């Protein structure tokens, strides 16, 4: 059951199976989850003032924007938005936003859950 006070996570992942698994793990941990398969869709949600407390994004995404660019644009809209990056491989050098976290694939779902909880009051 989702805790109404728990942070709402925007998960951006183009691998549908992984997106579903991560979403299920986060929901089982009590988080509300919004999903996007492209940076553009994620940015539309953020621009529409959707209730999003944390951005969890893959780096390699289809479309014109990668995860680094998405995070930069997201911080332009929401300067204090906590960001978690994940990737299995990237040819672009890291451009992590201040205070963000980075995980390499494959990662353990519990590690992501712990990372989300580590943001604590930053999401309040």
PDB file of N, CA and C in Angstrom:
ATOM      1  N   UNK A   1       0.845  -1.189   0.000  1.00  0.00           N
ATOM      2  CA  UNK A   1       0.000   0.000   0.000  1.00  0.00           C
ATOM      3  C   UNK A   1       0.884   1.244   0.000  1.00  0.00           C
ATOM      4  N   UNK A   2       0.533   2.206  -0.822  1.00  0.00           N
ATOM      5  CA  UNK A   2       1.311   3.428  -0.935  1.00  0.00           C
ATOM      6  C   UNK A   2       1.018   4.352   0.244  1.00  0.00           C
ATOM      7  N   UNK A   3       2.069   4.831   0.864  1.00  0.00           N
ATOM      8  CA  UNK A   3       1.961   5.788   1.961  1.00  0.00           C
ATOM      9  C   UNK A   3       1.744   7.167   1.342  1.00  0.00           C
ATOM     10  N   UNK A   4       0.649   7.860   1.661  1.00  0.00           N
ATOM     11  CA  UNK A   4       0.394   9.163   1.046  1.00  0.00           C
ATOM     12  C   UNK A   4       1.500  10.186   1.322  1.00  0.00           C
ATOM     13  N   UNK A   5       2.257   9.986   2.400  1.00  0.00           N
ATOM     14  CA  UNK A   5       3.342  10.914   2.727  1.00  0.00           C
ATOM     15  C   UNK A   5       4.657  10.517   2.059  1.00  0.00           C
ATOM     16  N   UNK A   6       4.693   9.354   1.445  1.00  0.00           N
ATOM     17  CA  UNK A   6       5.930   8.887   0.811  1.00  0.00           C
ATOM     18  C   UNK A   6       6.202   9.685  -0.460  1.00  0.00           C
ATOM     19  N   UNK A   7       7.482   9.866  -0.787  1.00  0.00           N
ATOM     20  CA  UNK A   7       7.815  10.594  -2.012  1.00  0.00           C
ATOM     21  C   UNK A   7       7.260   9.905  -3.255  1.00  0.00           C
ATOM     22  N   UNK A   8       6.889  10.696  -4.235  1.00  0.00           N
ATOM     23  CA  UNK A   8       6.431  10.173  -5.537  1.00  0.00           C
ATOM     24  C   UNK A   8       7.632  10.178  -6.466  1.00  0.00           C
ATOM     25  N   UNK A   9       7.915   9.030  -7.047  1.00  0.00           N
ATOM     26  CA  UNK A   9       9.098   8.836  -7.858  1.00  0.00           C
ATOM     27  C   UNK A   9       8.732   8.818  -9.336  1.00  0.00           C
ATOM     28  N   UNK A  10       9.445   9.587 -10.137  1.00  0.00           N
ATOM     29  CA  UNK A  10       9.310   9.522 -11.595  1.00  0.00           C
ATOM     30  C   UNK A  10      10.435   8.636 -12.100  1.00  0.00           C
ATOM     31  N   UNK A  11      10.080   7.459 -12.616  1.00  0.00           N
ATOM     32  CA  UNK A  11      11.055   6.516 -13.140  1.00  0.00           C
ATOM     33  C   UNK A  11      11.085   6.644 -14.661  1.00  0.00           C
ATOM     34  N   UNK A  12      12.277   6.936 -15.195  1.00  0.00           N
ATOM     35  CA  UNK A  12      12.442   7.098 -16.638  1.00  0.00           C
ATOM     36  C   UNK A  12      13.358   5.982 -17.120  1.00  0.00           C
ATOM     37  N   UNK A  13      12.775   5.054 -17.874  1.00  0.00           N
ATOM     38  CA  UNK A  13      13.501   3.864 -18.318  1.00  0.00           C
ATOM     39  C   UNK A  13      12.866   3.369 -19.607  1.00  0.00           C
ATOM     40  N   UNK A  14      13.677   3.167 -20.648  1.00  0.00           N
ATOM     41  CA  UNK A  14      13.123   2.726 -21.924  1.00  0.00           C
ATOM     42  C   UNK A  14      13.008   1.206 -22.044  1.00  0.00           C
ATOM     43  N   UNK A  15      13.664   0.451 -21.187  1.00  0.00           N
ATOM     44  CA  UNK A  15      13.516  -1.007 -21.194  1.00  0.00           C
ATOM     45  C   UNK A  15      12.261  -1.344 -20.393  1.00  0.00           C
ATOM     46  N   UNK A  16      11.194  -1.709 -21.102  1.00  0.00           N
ATOM     47  CA  UNK A  16       9.887  -1.862 -20.457  1.00  0.00           C
ATOM     48  C   UNK A  16       9.883  -2.890 -19.331  1.00  0.00           C
ATOM     49  N   UNK A  17      10.585  -4.005 -19.509  1.00  0.00           N
ATOM     50  CA  UNK A  17      10.602  -5.012 -18.450  1.00  0.00           C
ATOM     51  C   UNK A  17      11.247  -4.450 -17.186  1.00  0.00           C
ATOM     52  N   UNK A  18      12.359  -3.750 -17.349  1.00  0.00           N
ATOM     53  CA  UNK A  18      13.034  -3.148 -16.202  1.00  0.00           C
ATOM     54  C   UNK A  18      12.157  -2.065 -15.570  1.00  0.00           C
ATOM     55  N   UNK A  19      11.496  -1.276 -16.399  1.00  0.00           N
ATOM     56  CA  UNK A  19      10.596  -0.238 -15.892  1.00  0.00           C
ATOM     57  C   UNK A  19       9.503  -0.857 -15.021  1.00  0.00           C
ATOM     58  N   UNK A  20       8.922  -1.955 -15.469  1.00  0.00           N
ATOM     59  CA  UNK A  20       7.861  -2.616 -14.706  1.00  0.00           C
ATOM     60  C   UNK A  20       8.397  -3.218 -13.406  1.00  0.00           C
ATOM     61  N   UNK A  21       9.579  -3.829 -13.461  1.00  0.00           N
ATOM     62  CA  UNK A  21      10.169  -4.441 -12.265  1.00  0.00           C
ATOM     63  C   UNK A  21      10.500  -3.369 -11.224  1.00  0.00           C
ATOM     64  N   UNK A  22      11.147  -2.305 -11.656  1.00  0.00           N
ATOM     65  CA  UNK A  22      11.518  -1.221 -10.744  1.00  0.00           C
ATOM     66  C   UNK A  22      10.263  -0.579 -10.154  1.00  0.00           C
ATOM     67  N   UNK A  23       9.274  -0.342 -10.989  1.00  0.00           N
ATOM     68  CA  UNK A  23       8.018   0.239 -10.505  1.00  0.00           C
ATOM     69  C   UNK A  23       7.394  -0.645  -9.442  1.00  0.00           C
ATOM     70  N   UNK A  24       7.333  -1.946  -9.702  1.00  0.00           N
ATOM     71  CA  UNK A  24       6.742  -2.876  -8.735  1.00  0.00           C
ATOM     72  C   UNK A  24       7.521  -2.875  -7.419  1.00  0.00           C
ATOM     73  N   UNK A  25       8.848  -2.874  -7.499  1.00  0.00           N
ATOM     74  CA  UNK A  25       9.678  -2.861  -6.286  1.00  0.00           C
ATOM     75  C   UNK A  25       9.444  -1.584  -5.480  1.00  0.00           C
ATOM     76  N   UNK A  26       9.395  -0.450  -6.163  1.00  0.00           N
ATOM     77  CA  UNK A  26       9.184   0.820  -5.471  1.00  0.00           C
ATOM     78  C   UNK A  26       7.791   0.897  -4.865  1.00  0.00           C
ATOM     79  N   UNK A  27       6.795   0.430  -5.610  1.00  0.00           N
ATOM     80  CA  UNK A  27       5.428   0.436  -5.076  1.00  0.00           C
ATOM     81  C   UNK A  27       5.318  -0.514  -3.881  1.00  0.00           C
ATOM     82  N   UNK A  28       5.974  -1.667  -3.962  1.00  0.00           N
ATOM     83  CA  UNK A  28       5.971  -2.604  -2.827  1.00  0.00           C
ATOM     84  C   UNK A  28       6.618  -1.976  -1.593  1.00  0.00           C
ATOM     85  N   UNK A  29       7.556  -1.044  -1.815  1.00  0.00           N
ATOM     86  CA  UNK A  29       8.223  -0.353  -0.701  1.00  0.00           C
ATOM     87  C   UNK A  29       7.399   0.830  -0.191  1.00  0.00           C
ATOM     88  N   UNK A  30       6.235   1.076  -0.815  1.00  0.00           N
ATOM     89  CA  UNK A  30       5.334   2.114  -0.329  1.00  0.00           C
ATOM     90  C   UNK A  30       5.374   3.423  -1.082  1.00  0.00           C
ATOM     91  N   UNK A  31       6.139   3.483  -2.183  1.00  0.00           N
ATOM     92  CA  UNK A  31       6.240   4.723  -2.953  1.00  0.00           C
ATOM     93  C   UNK A  31       5.197   4.768  -4.066  1.00  0.00           C
ATOM     94  N   UNK A  32       4.761   5.955  -4.400  1.00  0.00           N
ATOM     95  CA  UNK A  32       3.941   6.168  -5.589  1.00  0.00           C
ATOM     96  C   UNK A  32       4.910   6.378  -6.752  1.00  0.00           C
ATOM     97  N   UNK A  33       4.570   5.831  -7.910  1.00  0.00           N
ATOM     98  CA  UNK A  33       5.489   5.876  -9.046  1.00  0.00           C
ATOM     99  C   UNK A  33       4.772   6.382 -10.290  1.00  0.00           C
ATOM    100  N   UNK A  34       5.421   7.307 -10.975  1.00  0.00           N
ATOM    101  CA  UNK A  34       5.009   7.723 -12.314  1.00  0.00           C
ATOM    102  C   UNK A  34       6.062   7.172 -13.262  1.00  0.00           C
ATOM    103  N   UNK A  35       5.659   6.815 -14.472  1.00  0.00           N
ATOM    104  CA  UNK A  35       6.575   6.207 -15.429  1.00  0.00           C
ATOM    105  C   UNK A  35       6.698   7.039 -16.694  1.00  0.00           C
ATOM    106  N   UNK A  36       7.901   6.988 -17.280  1.00  0.00           N
ATOM    107  CA  UNK A  36       8.135   7.576 -18.593  1.00  0.00           C
ATOM    108  C   UNK A  36       9.183   6.731 -19.294  1.00  0.00           C
ATOM    109  N   UNK A  37       9.052   6.598 -20.611  1.00  0.00           N
ATOM    110  CA  UNK A  37      10.032   5.830 -21.375  1.00  0.00           C
ATOM    111  C   UNK A  37      10.971   6.724 -22.175  1.00  0.00           C
ATOM    112  N   UNK A  38      10.703   8.021 -22.163  1.00  0.00           N
ATOM    113  CA  UNK A  38      11.597   8.983 -22.822  1.00  0.00           C
ATOM    114  C   UNK A  38      11.786  10.198 -21.923  1.00  0.00           C
ATOM    115  N   UNK A  39      12.879  10.897 -22.154  1.00  0.00           N
ATOM    116  CA  UNK A  39      13.141  12.125 -21.402  1.00  0.00           C
ATOM    117  C   UNK A  39      12.075  13.170 -21.699  1.00  0.00           C
ATOM    118  N   UNK A  40      11.632  13.221 -22.944  1.00  0.00           N
ATOM    119  CA  UNK A  40      10.639  14.213 -23.337  1.00  0.00           C
ATOM    120  C   UNK A  40       9.328  14.014 -22.570  1.00  0.00           C
ATOM    121  N   UNK A  41       8.893  12.762 -22.430  1.00  0.00           N
ATOM    122  CA  UNK A  41       7.669  12.470 -21.671  1.00  0.00           C
ATOM    123  C   UNK A  41       7.855  12.846 -20.208  1.00  0.00           C
ATOM    124  N   UNK A  42       9.009  12.512 -19.659  1.00  0.00           N
ATOM    125  CA  UNK A  42       9.302  12.847 -18.263  1.00  0.00           C
ATOM    126  C   UNK A  42       9.278  14.357 -18.053  1.00  0.00           C
ATOM    127  N   UNK A  43       9.887  15.085 -18.962  1.00  0.00           N
ATOM    128  CA  UNK A  43       9.936  16.540 -18.852  1.00  0.00           C
ATOM    129  C   UNK A  43       8.532  17.140 -18.951  1.00  0.00           C
ATOM    130  N   UNK A  44       7.685  16.560 -19.801  1.00  0.00           N
ATOM    131  CA  UNK A  44       6.298  17.017 -19.898  1.00  0.00           C
ATOM    132  C   UNK A  44       5.585  16.862 -18.556  1.00  0.00           C
ATOM    133  N   UNK A  45       5.814  15.730 -17.877  1.00  0.00           N
ATOM    134  CA  UNK A  45       5.203  15.519 -16.564  1.00  0.00           C
ATOM    135  C   UNK A  45       5.688  16.554 -15.554  1.00  0.00           C
ATOM    136  N   UNK A  46       6.988  16.805 -15.560  1.00  0.00           N
ATOM    137  CA  UNK A  46       7.552  17.787 -14.627  1.00  0.00           C
ATOM    138  C   UNK A  46       7.057  19.201 -14.931  1.00  0.00           C
ATOM    139  N   UNK A  47       6.962  19.537 -16.208  1.00  0.00           N
ATOM    140  CA  UNK A  47       6.509  20.872 -16.607  1.00  0.00           C
ATOM    141  C   UNK A  47       5.034  21.080 -16.289  1.00  0.00           C
ATOM    142  N   UNK A  48       4.274  19.985 -16.253  1.00  0.00           N
ATOM    143  CA  UNK A  48       2.842  20.064 -15.970  1.00  0.00           C
ATOM    144  C   UNK A  48       2.557  20.114 -14.461  1.00  0.00           C
ATOM    145  N   UNK A  49       3.624  20.291 -13.675  1.00  0.00           N
ATOM    146  CA  UNK A  49       3.482  20.356 -12.221  1.00  0.00           C
ATOM    147  C   UNK A  49       2.917  19.075 -11.623  1.00  0.00           C
ATOM    148  N   UNK A  50       3.213  17.947 -12.262  1.00  0.00           N
ATOM    149  CA  UNK A  50       2.808  16.660 -11.683  1.00  0.00           C
ATOM    150  C   UNK A  50       3.472  16.515 -10.316  1.00  0.00           C
ATOM    151  N   UNK A  51       2.832  15.762  -9.442  1.00  0.00           N
ATOM    152  CA  UNK A  51       3.368  15.553  -8.095  1.00  0.00           C
ATOM    153  C   UNK A  51       4.545  14.577  -8.170  1.00  0.00           C
ATOM    154  N   UNK A  52       5.722  15.109  -8.399  1.00  0.00           N
ATOM    155  CA  UNK A  52       6.947  14.316  -8.505  1.00  0.00           C
ATOM    156  C   UNK A  52       7.930  14.852  -7.470  1.00  0.00           C
ATOM    157  N   UNK A  53       8.455  13.952  -6.633  1.00  0.00           N
ATOM    158  CA  UNK A  53       9.395  14.362  -5.595  1.00  0.00           C
ATOM    159  C   UNK A  53      10.836  13.966  -5.895  1.00  0.00           C
ATOM    160  N   UNK A  54      11.028  12.902  -6.689  1.00  0.00           N
ATOM    161  CA  UNK A  54      12.377  12.414  -7.014  1.00  0.00           C
ATOM    162  C   UNK A  54      12.376  11.923  -8.458  1.00  0.00           C
ATOM    163  N   UNK A  55      13.423  12.246  -9.177  1.00  0.00           N
ATOM    164  CA  UNK A  55      13.624  11.763 -10.544  1.00  0.00           C
ATOM    165  C   UNK A  55      14.631  10.625 -10.510  1.00  0.00           C
ATOM    166  N   UNK A  56      14.249   9.474 -11.039  1.00  0.00           N
ATOM    167  CA  UNK A  56      15.126   8.310 -11.165  1.00  0.00           C
ATOM    168  C   UNK A  56      15.209   7.990 -12.648  1.00  0.00           C
ATOM    169  N   UNK A  57      16.351   8.305 -13.274  1.00  0.00           N
ATOM    170  CA  UNK A  57      16.446   8.192 -14.716  1.00  0.00           C
ATOM    171  C   UNK A  57      17.608   7.347 -15.210  1.00  0.00           C
ATOM    172  N   UNK A  58      17.324   6.609 -16.260  1.00  0.00           N
ATOM    173  CA  UNK A  58      18.355   5.936 -17.031  1.00  0.00           C
ATOM    174  C   UNK A  58      19.111   7.032 -17.786  1.00  0.00           C
ATOM    175  N   UNK A  59      20.335   6.744 -18.194  1.00  0.00           N
ATOM    176  CA  UNK A  59      21.109   7.717 -18.970  1.00  0.00           C
ATOM    177  C   UNK A  59      20.825   7.582 -20.462  1.00  0.00           C
ATOM    178  N   UNK A  60      20.919   6.366 -20.974  1.00  0.00           N
ATOM    179  CA  UNK A  60      20.689   6.132 -22.404  1.00  0.00           C
ATOM    180  C   UNK A  60      19.201   5.979 -22.649  1.00  0.00           C
ATOM    181  N   UNK A  61      18.632   6.968 -23.334  1.00  0.00           N
ATOM    182  CA  UNK A  61      17.198   6.990 -23.604  1.00  0.00           C
ATOM    183  C   UNK A  61      16.967   7.271 -25.081  1.00  0.00           C
ATOM    184  N   UNK A  62      15.863   6.775 -25.633  1.00  0.00           N
ATOM    185  CA  UNK A  62      15.535   7.119 -27.019  1.00  0.00           C
ATOM    186  C   UNK A  62      15.098   8.578 -27.092  1.00  0.00           C
ATOM    187  N   UNK A  63      15.159   9.145 -28.263  1.00  0.00           N
ATOM    188  CA  UNK A  63      14.731  10.529 -28.428  1.00  0.00           C
ATOM    189  C   UNK A  63      15.915  11.481 -28.447  1.00  0.00           C
ATOM    190  N   UNK A  64      15.608  12.763 -28.386  1.00  0.00           N
ATOM    191  CA  UNK A  64      16.635  13.793 -28.524  1.00  0.00           C
ATOM    192  C   UNK A  64      17.432  14.028 -27.250  1.00  0.00           C
ATOM    193  N   UNK A  65      16.895  13.625 -26.103  1.00  0.00           N
ATOM    194  CA  UNK A  65      17.554  13.901 -24.827  1.00  0.00           C
ATOM    195  C   UNK A  65      18.003  12.615 -24.153  1.00  0.00           C
ATOM    196  N   UNK A  66      19.177  12.685 -23.511  1.00  0.00           N
ATOM    197  CA  UNK A  66      19.592  11.560 -22.671  1.00  0.00           C
ATOM    198  C   UNK A  66      19.268  11.905 -21.216  1.00  0.00           C
ATOM    199  N   UNK A  67      19.616  11.007 -20.306  1.00  0.00           N
ATOM    200  CA  UNK A  67      19.310  11.216 -18.899  1.00  0.00           C
ATOM    201  C   UNK A  67      20.018  12.410 -18.289  1.00  0.00           C
ATOM    202  N   UNK A  68      21.255  12.677 -18.756  1.00  0.00           N
ATOM    203  CA  UNK A  68      21.984  13.854 -18.247  1.00  0.00           C
ATOM    204  C   UNK A  68      21.216  15.119 -18.616  1.00  0.00           C
ATOM    205  N   UNK A  69      20.785  15.203 -19.878  1.00  0.00           N
ATOM    206  CA  UNK A  69      20.058  16.395 -20.342  1.00  0.00           C
ATOM    207  C   UNK A  69      18.702  16.514 -19.641  1.00  0.00           C
ATOM    208  N   UNK A  70      18.053  15.380 -19.440  1.00  0.00           N
ATOM    209  CA  UNK A  70      16.781  15.395 -18.724  1.00  0.00           C
ATOM    210  C   UNK A  70      16.965  15.975 -17.325  1.00  0.00           C
ATOM    211  N   UNK A  71      17.976  15.504 -16.620  1.00  0.00           N
ATOM    212  CA  UNK A  71      18.210  15.985 -15.254  1.00  0.00           C
ATOM    213  C   UNK A  71      18.499  17.481 -15.239  1.00  0.00           C
ATOM    214  N   UNK A  72      19.283  17.950 -16.200  1.00  0.00           N
ATOM    215  CA  UNK A  72      19.588  19.384 -16.276  1.00  0.00           C
ATOM    216  C   UNK A  72      18.309  20.185 -16.526  1.00  0.00           C
ATOM    217  N   UNK A  73      17.468  19.706 -17.441  1.00  0.00           N
ATOM    218  CA  UNK A  73      16.212  20.397 -17.735  1.00  0.00           C
ATOM    219  C   UNK A  73      15.264  20.321 -16.535  1.00  0.00           C
ATOM    220  N   UNK A  74      15.244  19.169 -15.868  1.00  0.00           N
ATOM    221  CA  UNK A  74      14.383  19.004 -14.686  1.00  0.00           C
ATOM    222  C   UNK A  74      14.790  19.967 -13.583  1.00  0.00           C
ATOM    223  N   UNK A  75      16.097  20.111 -13.382  1.00  0.00           N
ATOM    224  CA  UNK A  75      16.572  21.049 -12.357  1.00  0.00           C
ATOM    225  C   UNK A  75      16.280  22.492 -12.767  1.00  0.00           C
ATOM    226  N   UNK A  76      16.188  22.765 -14.057  1.00  0.00           N
ATOM    227  CA  UNK A  76      15.779  24.089 -14.510  1.00  0.00           C
ATOM    228  C   UNK A  76      14.354  24.398 -14.088  1.00  0.00           C
ATOM    229  N   UNK A  77      13.503  23.367 -14.102  1.00  0.00           N
ATOM    230  CA  UNK A  77      12.099  23.528 -13.693  1.00  0.00           C
ATOM    231  C   UNK A  77      11.933  23.446 -12.186  1.00  0.00           C
ATOM    232  N   UNK A  78      12.707  22.547 -11.567  1.00  0.00           N
ATOM    233  CA  UNK A  78      12.601  22.294 -10.129  1.00  0.00           C
ATOM    234  C   UNK A  78      14.009  22.221  -9.540  1.00  0.00           C
ATOM    235  N   UNK A  79      14.556  23.350  -9.142  1.00  0.00           N
ATOM    236  CA  UNK A  79      15.963  23.430  -8.729  1.00  0.00           C
ATOM    237  C   UNK A  79      16.383  22.492  -7.602  1.00  0.00           C
ATOM    238  N   UNK A  80      15.461  22.089  -6.755  1.00  0.00           N
ATOM    239  CA  UNK A  80      15.815  21.229  -5.621  1.00  0.00           C
ATOM    240  C   UNK A  80      15.419  19.772  -5.812  1.00  0.00           C
ATOM    241  N   UNK A  81      15.032  19.395  -7.023  1.00  0.00           N
ATOM    242  CA  UNK A  81      14.578  18.033  -7.283  1.00  0.00           C
ATOM    243  C   UNK A  81      15.710  17.031  -7.093  1.00  0.00           C
ATOM    244  N   UNK A  82      15.545  16.064  -6.177  1.00  0.00           N
ATOM    245  CA  UNK A  82      16.552  15.014  -6.023  1.00  0.00           C
ATOM    246  C   UNK A  82      16.588  14.134  -7.272  1.00  0.00           C
ATOM    247  N   UNK A  83      17.785  13.729  -7.665  1.00  0.00           N
ATOM    248  CA  UNK A  83      17.966  12.945  -8.888  1.00  0.00           C
ATOM    249  C   UNK A  83      18.811  11.716  -8.597  1.00  0.00           C
ATOM    250  N   UNK A  84      18.349  10.583  -9.145  1.00  0.00           N
ATOM    251  CA  UNK A  84      19.122   9.347  -9.113  1.00  0.00           C
ATOM    252  C   UNK A  84      19.311   8.921 -10.563  1.00  0.00           C
ATOM    253  N   UNK A  85      20.554   8.686 -10.949  1.00  0.00           N
ATOM    254  CA  UNK A  85      20.878   8.220 -12.303  1.00  0.00           C
ATOM    255  C   UNK A  85      21.199   6.734 -12.247  1.00  0.00           C
ATOM    256  N   UNK A  86      20.928   6.034 -13.353  1.00  0.00           N
ATOM    257  CA  UNK A  86      21.335   4.635 -13.473  1.00  0.00           C
ATOM    258  C   UNK A  86      21.681   4.353 -14.925  1.00  0.00           C
ATOM    259  N   UNK A  87      22.731   3.589 -15.136  1.00  0.00           N
ATOM    260  CA  UNK A  87      23.065   3.177 -16.496  1.00  0.00           C
ATOM    261  C   UNK A  87      23.934   1.938 -16.472  1.00  0.00           C
ATOM    262  N   UNK A  88      23.849   1.191 -17.543  1.00  0.00           N
ATOM    263  CA  UNK A  88      24.720   0.048 -17.711  1.00  0.00           C
ATOM    264  C   UNK A  88      25.938   0.433 -18.515  1.00  0.00           C
ATOM    265  N   UNK A  89      25.765   1.434 -19.381  1.00  0.00           N
ATOM    266  CA  UNK A  89      26.852   1.879 -20.248  1.00  0.00           C
ATOM    267  C   UNK A  89      26.497   3.243 -20.810  1.00  0.00           C
ATOM    268  N   UNK A  90      27.474   4.109 -20.837  1.00  0.00           N
ATOM    269  CA  UNK A  90      27.274   5.411 -21.476  1.00  0.00           C
ATOM    270  C   UNK A  90      28.580   5.869 -22.088  1.00  0.00           C
ATOM    271  N   UNK A  91      28.483   6.446 -23.271  1.00  0.00           N
ATOM    272  CA  UNK A  91      29.683   6.968 -23.931  1.00  0.00           C
ATOM    273  C   UNK A  91      29.904   8.433 -23.586  1.00  0.00           C
ATOM    274  N   UNK A  92      28.912   9.038 -22.957  1.00  0.00           N
ATOM    275  CA  UNK A  92      29.044  10.446 -22.607  1.00  0.00           C
ATOM    276  C   UNK A  92      29.621  10.573 -21.203  1.00  0.00           C
ATOM    277  N   UNK A  93      30.464  11.587 -20.975  1.00  0.00           N
ATOM    278  CA  UNK A  93      31.013  11.772 -19.628  1.00  0.00           C
ATOM    279  C   UNK A  93      29.910  12.175 -18.650  1.00  0.00           C
ATOM    280  N   UNK A  94      30.030  11.740 -17.402  1.00  0.00           N
ATOM    281  CA  UNK A  94      29.005  12.076 -16.399  1.00  0.00           C
ATOM    282  C   UNK A  94      28.858  13.583 -16.213  1.00  0.00           C
ATOM    283  N   UNK A  95      27.620  14.017 -16.099  1.00  0.00           N
ATOM    284  CA  UNK A  95      27.306  15.416 -15.804  1.00  0.00           C
ATOM    285  C   UNK A  95      26.270  15.418 -14.684  1.00  0.00           C
ATOM    286  N   UNK A  96      26.659  14.895 -13.557  1.00  0.00           N
ATOM    287  CA  UNK A  96      25.716  14.741 -12.460  1.00  0.00           C
ATOM    288  C   UNK A  96      25.340  16.080 -11.839  1.00  0.00           C
ATOM    289  N   UNK A  97      24.055  16.214 -11.570  1.00  0.00           N
ATOM    290  CA  UNK A  97      23.563  17.395 -10.873  1.00  0.00           C
ATOM    291  C   UNK A  97      24.033  17.351  -9.425  1.00  0.00           C
ATOM    292  N   UNK A  98      24.188  18.511  -8.846  1.00  0.00           N
ATOM    293  CA  UNK A  98      24.643  18.605  -7.456  1.00  0.00           C
ATOM    294  C   UNK A  98      23.713  17.821  -6.534  1.00  0.00           C
ATOM    295  N   UNK A  99      24.317  17.032  -5.648  1.00  0.00           N
ATOM    296  CA  UNK A  99      23.555  16.278  -4.666  1.00  0.00           C
ATOM    297  C   UNK A  99      22.870  15.033  -5.204  1.00  0.00           C
ATOM    298  N   UNK A 100      23.132  14.667  -6.459  1.00  0.00           N
ATOM    299  CA  UNK A 100      22.481  13.500  -7.046  1.00  0.00           C
ATOM    300  C   UNK A 100      23.260  12.222  -6.732  1.00  0.00           C
ATOM    301  N   UNK A 101      22.653  11.097  -7.052  1.00  0.00           N
ATOM    302  CA  UNK A 101      23.270   9.791  -6.833  1.00  0.00           C
ATOM    303  C   UNK A 101      23.350   9.041  -8.154  1.00  0.00           C
ATOM    304  N   UNK A 102      24.301   8.109  -8.247  1.00  0.00           N
ATOM    305  CA  UNK A 102      24.533   7.368  -9.488  1.00  0.00           C
ATOM    306  C   UNK A 102      24.666   5.880  -9.182  1.00  0.00           C
ATOM    307  N   UNK A 103      23.978   5.052  -9.963  1.00  0.00           N
ATOM    308  CA  UNK A 103      24.060   3.596  -9.834  1.00  0.00           C
ATOM    309  C   UNK A 103      24.363   2.983 -11.190  1.00  0.00           C
ATOM    310  N   UNK A 104      25.163   1.925 -11.184  1.00  0.00           N
ATOM    311  CA  UNK A 104      25.402   1.191 -12.419  1.00  0.00           C
ATOM    312  C   UNK A 104      24.478  -0.021 -12.453  1.00  0.00           C
ATOM    313  N   UNK A 105      24.022  -0.359 -13.652  1.00  0.00           N
ATOM    314  CA  UNK A 105      23.190  -1.554 -13.847  1.00  0.00           C
ATOM    315  C   UNK A 105      24.113  -2.750 -13.989  1.00  0.00           C
ATOM    316  N   UNK A 106      23.725  -3.888 -13.482  1.00  0.00           N
ATOM    317  CA  UNK A 106      22.500  -4.105 -12.723  1.00  0.00           C
ATOM    318  C   UNK A 106      22.650  -3.606 -11.293  1.00  0.00           C
ATOM    319  N   UNK A 107      21.609  -3.035 -10.766  1.00  0.00           N
ATOM    320  CA  UNK A 107      21.603  -2.561  -9.383  1.00  0.00           C
ATOM    321  C   UNK A 107      20.557  -3.365  -8.621  1.00  0.00           C
ATOM    322  N   UNK A 108      20.691  -3.376  -7.320  1.00  0.00           N
ATOM    323  CA  UNK A 108      19.682  -4.015  -6.470  1.00  0.00           C
ATOM    324  C   UNK A 108      18.571  -3.012  -6.191  1.00  0.00           C
ATOM    325  N   UNK A 109      17.348  -3.470  -6.277  1.00  0.00           N
ATOM    326  CA  UNK A 109      16.210  -2.584  -6.007  1.00  0.00           C
ATOM    327  C   UNK A 109      16.323  -1.975  -4.614  1.00  0.00           C
ATOM    328  N   UNK A 110      16.800  -2.749  -3.649  1.00  0.00           N
ATOM    329  CA  UNK A 110      16.917  -2.238  -2.282  1.00  0.00           C
ATOM    330  C   UNK A 110      17.884  -1.059  -2.222  1.00  0.00           C
ATOM    331  N   UNK A 111      18.916  -1.077  -3.062  1.00  0.00           N
ATOM    332  CA  UNK A 111      19.865   0.045  -3.089  1.00  0.00           C
ATOM    333  C   UNK A 111      19.169   1.322  -3.547  1.00  0.00           C
ATOM    334  N   UNK A 112      18.271   1.209  -4.509  1.00  0.00           N
ATOM    335  CA  UNK A 112      17.526   2.374  -4.991  1.00  0.00           C
ATOM    336  C   UNK A 112      16.545   2.849  -3.909  1.00  0.00           C
ATOM    337  N   UNK A 113      15.876   1.902  -3.273  1.00  0.00           N
ATOM    338  CA  UNK A 113      14.939   2.249  -2.196  1.00  0.00           C
ATOM    339  C   UNK A 113      15.679   2.973  -1.067  1.00  0.00           C
ATOM    340  N   UNK A 114      16.837   2.449  -0.689  1.00  0.00           N
ATOM    341  CA  UNK A 114      17.637   3.104   0.353  1.00  0.00           C
ATOM    342  C   UNK A 114      18.074   4.501  -0.085  1.00  0.00           C
ATOM    343  N   UNK A 115      18.432   4.648  -1.356  1.00  0.00           N
ATOM    344  CA  UNK A 115      18.845   5.958  -1.877  1.00  0.00           C
ATOM    345  C   UNK A 115      17.689   6.951  -1.800  1.00  0.00           C
ATOM    346  N   UNK A 116      16.500   6.493  -2.185  1.00  0.00           N
ATOM    347  CA  UNK A 116      15.323   7.363  -2.119  1.00  0.00           C
ATOM    348  C   UNK A 116      15.083   7.812  -0.677  1.00  0.00           C
ATOM    349  N   UNK A 117      15.171   6.881   0.229  1.00  0.00           N
ATOM    350  CA  UNK A 117      14.963   7.219   1.637  1.00  0.00           C
ATOM    351  C   UNK A 117      16.056   8.134   2.171  1.00  0.00           C
ATOM    352  N   UNK A 118      17.256   8.039   1.595  1.00  0.00           N
ATOM    353  CA  UNK A 118      18.362   8.892   2.053  1.00  0.00           C
ATOM    354  C   UNK A 118      18.123  10.367   1.745  1.00  0.00           C
ATOM    355  N   UNK A 119      17.284  10.639   0.756  1.00  0.00           N
ATOM    356  CA  UNK A 119      16.966  12.039   0.442  1.00  0.00           C
ATOM    357  C   UNK A 119      16.129  12.646   1.559  1.00  0.00           C
ATOM    358  N   UNK A 120      15.408  11.801   2.293  1.00  0.00           N
ATOM    359  CA  UNK A 120      14.670  12.207   3.481  1.00  0.00           C
ATOM    360  C   UNK A 120      13.885  13.481   3.340  1.00  0.00           C
ATOM    361  N   UNK A 121      14.200  14.431   4.192  1.00  0.00           N
ATOM    362  CA  UNK A 121      13.449  15.683   4.245  1.00  0.00           C
ATOM    363  C   UNK A 121      13.656  16.553   3.012  1.00  0.00           C
ATOM    364  N   UNK A 122      14.634  16.200   2.169  1.00  0.00           N
ATOM    365  CA  UNK A 122      14.847  16.974   0.949  1.00  0.00           C
ATOM    366  C   UNK A 122      13.639  16.886   0.041  1.00  0.00           C
ATOM    367  N   UNK A 123      12.843  15.845   0.203  1.00  0.00           N
ATOM    368  CA  UNK A 123      11.665  15.680  -0.641  1.00  0.00           C
ATOM    369  C   UNK A 123      10.425  16.281  -0.020  1.00  0.00           C
ATOM    370  N   UNK A 124      10.529  16.747   1.203  1.00  0.00           N
ATOM    371  CA  UNK A 124       9.338  17.286   1.888  1.00  0.00           C
ATOM    372  C   UNK A 124       9.057  18.705   1.464  1.00  0.00           C
TER     373      UNK A 124
END
